[in-house]
C-alpha cells in the first residue's frame, strides 16, 4: 500500500499515480479504471476514488460510460 504525504489530499496523490501509469502505457487506451480495485490498492474510501476519477475525467485522461465504467481515453493528437 502507498505511503501518503500527510500534507496533501490523498486523492491528489492517487491521481498522480494513475496519470503516471497512463503516461507510461501501464494503463493503455481503453483500460478499465476500477473503483473497487483502486479502493483496495490504496486503502481509501469510494468517495476518495470518485474524486480521483472526476479529476482525471476533467483532464480528459479517462472517459466514463454509465453502466460500463471508466476507461483510459484515446490520446488526442498534439496540435
Protein backbone atom coordinates (compact mmCIF):
# COMPACT_ATOMS: atom_id res chain seq x y z
CA UNK A 1 0.00 0.00 0.00
CA UNK A 2 1.14 3.51 -0.81
CA UNK A 3 2.57 5.77 1.86
CA UNK A 4 0.74 9.07 1.68
CA UNK A 5 2.18 12.54 2.24
CA UNK A 6 0.11 13.80 5.20
CA UNK A 7 0.35 17.39 3.94
CA UNK A 8 -1.56 16.71 0.69
CA UNK A 9 -5.01 15.24 -0.01
CA UNK A 10 -4.87 11.50 -0.72
CA UNK A 11 -6.95 11.84 -3.87
CA UNK A 12 -4.38 14.19 -5.48
CA UNK A 13 -1.59 11.73 -4.74
CA UNK A 14 -3.55 8.80 -6.17
CA UNK A 15 -4.42 10.86 -9.27
CA UNK A 16 -0.68 11.45 -9.83
CA UNK A 17 -0.01 7.70 -9.70
CA UNK A 18 -2.80 6.99 -12.21
CA UNK A 19 -1.54 9.78 -14.51
CA UNK A 20 1.93 8.23 -14.46
CA UNK A 21 0.51 4.78 -15.25
CA UNK A 22 -1.43 6.20 -18.21
CA UNK A 23 1.61 8.16 -19.46
CA UNK A 24 3.92 5.13 -19.21
CA UNK A 25 1.47 2.88 -21.03
CA UNK A 26 0.97 0.63 -17.98
CA UNK A 27 -2.70 1.60 -18.37
CA UNK A 28 -3.27 1.54 -22.16
CA UNK A 29 -6.18 3.11 -24.04
CA UNK A 30 -9.49 1.50 -23.03
CA UNK A 31 -8.00 0.09 -19.77
CA UNK A 32 -10.75 -0.15 -17.14
CA UNK A 33 -10.18 2.12 -14.13
CA UNK A 34 -11.93 0.06 -11.45
CA UNK A 35 -13.18 1.89 -8.36
CA UNK A 36 -13.07 -1.32 -6.34
CA UNK A 37 -9.52 -2.10 -7.42
CA UNK A 38 -8.31 1.42 -6.56
CA UNK A 39 -10.05 1.31 -3.16
CA UNK A 40 -8.25 -1.93 -2.34
CA UNK A 41 -4.87 -0.94 -3.77
CA UNK A 42 -4.69 2.41 -1.99
CA UNK A 43 -6.79 1.58 1.08
CA UNK A 44 -9.15 4.52 0.63
CA UNK A 45 -12.91 5.08 0.61
CA UNK A 46 -15.07 5.08 -2.52
CA UNK A 47 -15.56 8.85 -2.21
CA UNK A 48 -11.80 9.39 -2.47
CA UNK A 49 -11.64 7.23 -5.60
CA UNK A 50 -14.50 9.21 -7.12
CA UNK A 51 -12.59 12.48 -6.60
CA UNK A 52 -9.63 10.92 -8.43
CA UNK A 53 -11.84 9.86 -11.33
CA UNK A 54 -13.53 13.27 -11.53
CA UNK A 55 -10.14 15.00 -11.75
CA UNK A 56 -8.87 12.60 -14.44
CA UNK A 57 -12.12 12.94 -16.39
CA UNK A 58 -11.86 16.76 -16.23
CA UNK A 59 -8.32 16.46 -17.65
CA UNK A 60 -9.56 14.26 -20.49
CA UNK A 61 -7.46 11.27 -19.40
CA UNK A 62 -10.41 8.96 -18.79
CA UNK A 63 -13.94 8.64 -20.09
CA UNK A 64 -16.85 7.23 -18.13
CA UNK A 65 -19.66 5.28 -19.75
CA UNK A 66 -22.71 4.83 -17.49
CA UNK A 67 -23.29 1.16 -16.79
CA UNK A 68 -19.85 0.15 -18.07
CA UNK A 69 -17.25 2.09 -16.07
CA UNK A 70 -14.31 4.42 -16.59
CA UNK A 71 -11.66 3.77 -19.19
CA UNK A 72 -8.40 5.38 -20.29
CA UNK A 73 -9.25 7.80 -23.09
CA UNK A 74 -7.59 7.70 -26.50
CA UNK A 75 -4.81 10.26 -26.63
CA UNK A 76 -5.77 13.34 -28.56
CA UNK A 77 -3.33 14.25 -31.33
CA UNK A 78 -0.96 17.08 -30.46
CA UNK A 79 -1.76 20.26 -32.35
